Amino acid sequence: MPSVPHLMTLADLSPKEISRVIRHAHVLKRVSQPWLAPQQRNSKLQAKLKMPSQSLFSKSVALLFSKRSTRTRVSAETAAVLLGGRALFLGSEDIQLGVNESVRDSARVIGGMCQGIFARVGDHSEIEELAKHSPVP
């Protein structure tokens, strides 16, 4: 399966890893400053903090949403872009996990075309099923 482990719950991370994720998110937020025009941004701050990693450069991340959430969708899409990737939003009208196609088949197909899967679904068992059959985290 994937060389990068799945992240299905916060319990999958150590306290040190959680702190690192929070620090990185704080840096991304300070560097991006999306509400400012380019000429208003603090270039000294950006130089000091350095631009975020481009760890998703040329990669696609599928965002599977069977439960709607504006904040989660916007933050996931923004994160993908800030890290150099592309987000492919698949809402409940686009894909119906376990209805027309099994979760197993969806995980394999999406995992074969995208380099990552972000899922906001109804039941945690769907996350576990996606992780079990997806070739990507």
Protein backbone atom coordinates (compact mmCIF):
# COMPACT_ATOMS: atom_id res chain seq x y z
CA MET A 1 0.00 0.00 0.00
CA PRO A 2 1.15 3.65 0.31
CA SER A 3 4.70 4.53 1.37
CA VAL A 4 3.26 7.46 3.32
CA PRO A 5 1.02 6.21 6.13
CA HIS A 6 -2.68 6.97 6.23
CA LEU A 7 -3.80 9.65 8.69
CA MET A 8 -7.25 8.58 9.83
CA THR A 9 -7.46 9.99 13.35
CA LEU A 10 -5.46 12.36 15.52
CA ALA A 11 -4.39 9.28 17.50
CA ASP A 12 -2.27 8.29 14.46
CA LEU A 13 0.12 11.14 15.34
CA SER A 14 2.50 11.47 18.25
CA PRO A 15 2.32 14.64 20.39
CA LYS A 16 5.53 15.81 18.69
CA GLU A 17 4.00 15.30 15.23
CA ILE A 18 0.83 17.15 16.26
CA SER A 19 2.95 20.10 17.43
CA ARG A 20 4.84 20.08 14.13
CA VAL A 21 1.59 20.09 12.12
CA ILE A 22 0.23 23.02 14.17
CA ARG A 23 3.48 25.00 13.77
CA HIS A 24 3.50 24.35 10.02
CA ALA A 25 -0.15 25.42 9.71
CA HIS A 26 0.65 28.62 11.62
CA VAL A 27 3.53 29.38 9.23
CA LEU A 28 1.32 28.70 6.19
CA LYS A 29 -1.34 31.05 7.52
CA ARG A 30 1.15 33.83 8.24
CA VAL A 31 2.95 33.46 4.91
CA SER A 32 -0.12 33.25 2.69
CA GLN A 33 -1.94 36.34 3.97
CA PRO A 34 -4.61 35.89 1.25
CA TRP A 35 -6.60 38.91 2.40
CA LEU A 36 -3.78 41.32 1.44
CA ALA A 37 -2.84 42.58 -2.00
CA PRO A 38 0.72 41.56 -3.02
CA GLN A 39 2.10 45.07 -2.44
CA GLN A 40 0.66 45.08 1.11
CA ARG A 41 2.16 41.77 2.19
CA ASN A 42 5.06 41.77 4.58
CA SER A 43 7.89 40.54 2.35
CA LYS A 44 10.34 40.59 5.28
CA LEU A 45 8.03 38.27 7.19
CA GLN A 46 7.68 36.00 4.16
CA ALA A 47 11.46 35.88 3.70
CA LYS A 48 11.96 35.12 7.39
CA LEU A 49 9.35 32.37 7.48
CA LYS A 50 10.18 31.07 3.99
CA MET A 51 7.48 30.02 1.61
CA PRO A 52 5.68 26.77 2.38
CA SER A 53 7.02 23.52 1.03
CA GLN A 54 5.83 22.47 -2.39
CA SER A 55 5.35 18.87 -1.25
CA LEU A 56 2.23 18.50 -3.42
CA PHE A 57 3.81 20.04 -6.55
CA SER A 58 2.21 18.47 -9.65
CA LYS A 59 0.06 16.20 -7.49
CA SER A 60 -3.71 15.88 -7.29
CA VAL A 61 -5.62 15.34 -4.07
CA ALA A 62 -9.19 14.04 -4.24
CA LEU A 63 -11.49 15.69 -1.71
CA LEU A 64 -14.36 13.27 -1.03
CA PHE A 65 -17.26 14.95 0.76
CA SER A 66 -20.44 13.08 1.60
CA LYS A 67 -20.99 15.55 4.47
CA ARG A 68 -21.00 19.24 3.55
CA SER A 69 -18.70 21.65 5.36
CA THR A 70 -17.71 25.03 3.97
CA ARG A 71 -14.81 25.52 6.39
CA THR A 72 -13.38 22.04 5.80
CA ARG A 73 -13.67 22.30 2.02
CA VAL A 74 -12.11 25.76 1.82
CA SER A 75 -9.26 24.86 4.18
CA ALA A 76 -8.50 21.59 2.34
CA GLU A 77 -8.54 23.22 -1.11
CA THR A 78 -6.42 26.14 0.12
CA ALA A 79 -3.89 23.78 1.74
CA ALA A 80 -3.52 21.80 -1.49
CA VAL A 81 -2.88 24.98 -3.48
CA LEU A 82 -0.43 26.42 -0.91
CA LEU A 83 1.53 23.16 -1.06
CA GLY A 84 1.66 23.30 -4.87
CA GLY A 85 -1.02 20.73 -5.65
CA ARG A 86 -4.49 20.60 -7.15
CA ALA A 87 -7.65 19.70 -5.31
CA LEU A 88 -10.35 17.69 -7.06
CA PHE A 89 -13.61 18.17 -5.18
CA LEU A 90 -16.02 15.23 -5.30
CA GLY A 91 -19.22 15.99 -3.41
CA SER A 92 -22.20 13.77 -2.67
CA GLU A 93 -23.72 14.67 -6.07
CA ASP A 94 -20.50 13.64 -7.84
CA ILE A 95 -19.81 10.38 -6.05
CA GLN A 96 -21.90 8.22 -3.76
CA LEU A 97 -19.58 6.05 -1.74
CA GLY A 98 -21.02 2.60 -1.29
CA VAL A 99 -24.17 3.31 -3.36
CA ASN A 100 -23.49 3.05 -7.11
CA GLU A 101 -19.91 1.95 -6.62
CA SER A 102 -18.41 0.23 -3.61
CA VAL A 103 -16.06 2.11 -1.29
CA ARG A 104 -13.42 -0.45 -2.24
CA ASP A 105 -13.74 0.26 -5.98
CA SER A 106 -13.87 4.02 -5.40
CA ALA A 107 -10.68 3.86 -3.30
CA ARG A 108 -8.84 1.90 -5.97
CA VAL A 109 -9.99 4.07 -8.89
CA ILE A 110 -9.43 7.41 -7.17
CA GLY A 111 -6.15 6.22 -5.66
CA GLY A 112 -4.98 5.20 -9.12
CA MET A 113 -5.61 8.67 -10.52
CA CYS A 114 -4.77 10.96 -7.60
CA GLN A 115 -1.79 11.06 -5.26
CA GLY A 116 -3.86 11.54 -2.12
CA ILE A 117 -7.38 11.27 -0.74
CA PHE A 118 -8.94 13.63 1.81
CA ALA A 119 -12.33 12.39 2.99
CA ARG A 120 -15.16 13.98 4.98
CA VAL A 121 -17.69 11.21 5.17
CA GLY A 122 -20.52 10.12 7.43
CA ASP A 123 -19.18 7.10 9.23
CA HIS A 124 -15.58 6.43 10.30
CA SER A 125 -15.88 2.92 8.87
CA GLU A 126 -15.88 4.53 5.39
CA ILE A 127 -12.50 6.13 6.19
CA GLU A 128 -11.18 2.75 7.31
CA GLU A 129 -12.48 1.08 4.14
CA LEU A 130 -10.94 3.80 1.92
CA ALA A 131 -7.59 3.41 3.69
CA LYS A 132 -7.71 -0.37 3.42
CA HIS A 133 -8.12 -0.36 -0.37
CA SER A 134 -6.46 2.87 -1.51
CA PRO A 135 -2.95 2.73 -2.97
CA VAL A 136 -2.38 6.32 -1.75
CA PRO A 137 -2.75 7.98 1.66
